[in-house]
Amino acid sequence: MTQPALRTEQQAARQALVDAFVNGNDDTRRTIADLHGDRTNAIKDAVSDGEVSR
């Protein structure tokens, strides 16, 4: 996979995770938090800072 394609795939994966967190129910959020720990706080911060679209 080329570097630009990999970057695009990573961005899509990050956006999907954010979408699941923002649109998910409490169980979904809890699962994401369990799986990603501190990364979830970084995701919430990125969403609140407008770095990632909702």
Protein backbone atom coordinates (compact mmCIF):
# COMPACT_ATOMS: atom_id res chain seq x y z
CA MET A 1 0.00 0.00 0.00
CA THR A 2 1.36 3.41 -0.90
CA GLN A 3 1.95 6.01 1.79
CA PRO A 4 -0.91 8.31 0.66
CA ALA A 5 -3.32 5.36 0.49
CA LEU A 6 -2.27 4.23 3.97
CA ARG A 7 -2.73 7.76 5.31
CA THR A 8 -6.22 7.95 3.78
CA GLU A 9 -7.13 4.57 5.26
CA GLN A 10 -5.88 5.65 8.70
CA GLN A 11 -7.88 8.87 8.51
CA ALA A 12 -11.01 6.92 7.55
CA ALA A 13 -10.47 4.52 10.45
CA ARG A 14 -10.03 7.41 12.91
CA GLN A 15 -13.17 9.11 11.60
CA ALA A 16 -15.15 5.85 11.89
CA LEU A 17 -14.03 5.48 15.51
CA VAL A 18 -15.01 9.06 16.30
CA ASP A 19 -18.38 8.58 14.57
CA ALA A 20 -19.02 5.41 16.58
CA PHE A 21 -18.13 7.23 19.78
CA VAL A 22 -20.20 10.34 19.06
CA ASN A 23 -23.23 8.45 17.72
CA GLY A 24 -23.01 5.40 19.94
CA ASN A 25 -24.92 4.54 23.04
CA ASP A 26 -23.33 4.28 26.49
CA ASP A 27 -22.32 0.65 25.93
CA THR A 28 -20.57 1.57 22.67
CA ARG A 29 -18.71 4.44 24.34
CA ARG A 30 -17.72 2.23 27.27
CA THR A 31 -16.39 -0.44 24.88
CA ILE A 32 -14.39 2.12 22.91
CA ALA A 33 -13.02 3.56 26.15
CA ASP A 34 -12.04 0.08 27.37
CA LEU A 35 -10.33 -0.75 24.09
CA HIS A 36 -8.54 2.54 23.62
CA GLY A 37 -8.01 3.93 27.09
CA ASP A 38 -6.32 7.31 26.95
CA ARG A 39 -6.76 7.49 23.18
CA THR A 40 -10.48 7.98 23.76
CA ASN A 41 -9.75 11.15 25.70
CA ALA A 42 -7.62 12.33 22.79
CA ILE A 43 -10.51 11.56 20.42
CA LYS A 44 -13.00 13.48 22.58
CA ASP A 45 -10.56 16.40 22.75
CA ALA A 46 -10.09 16.35 18.96
CA VAL A 47 -13.86 16.38 18.45
CA SER A 48 -14.41 19.21 20.92
CA ASP A 49 -11.55 21.19 19.36
CA GLY A 50 -13.06 20.73 15.91
CA GLU A 51 -10.05 18.80 14.60
CA VAL A 52 -12.30 15.91 13.59
CA SER A 53 -15.77 16.39 12.15
CA ARG A 54 -18.76 14.94 13.97
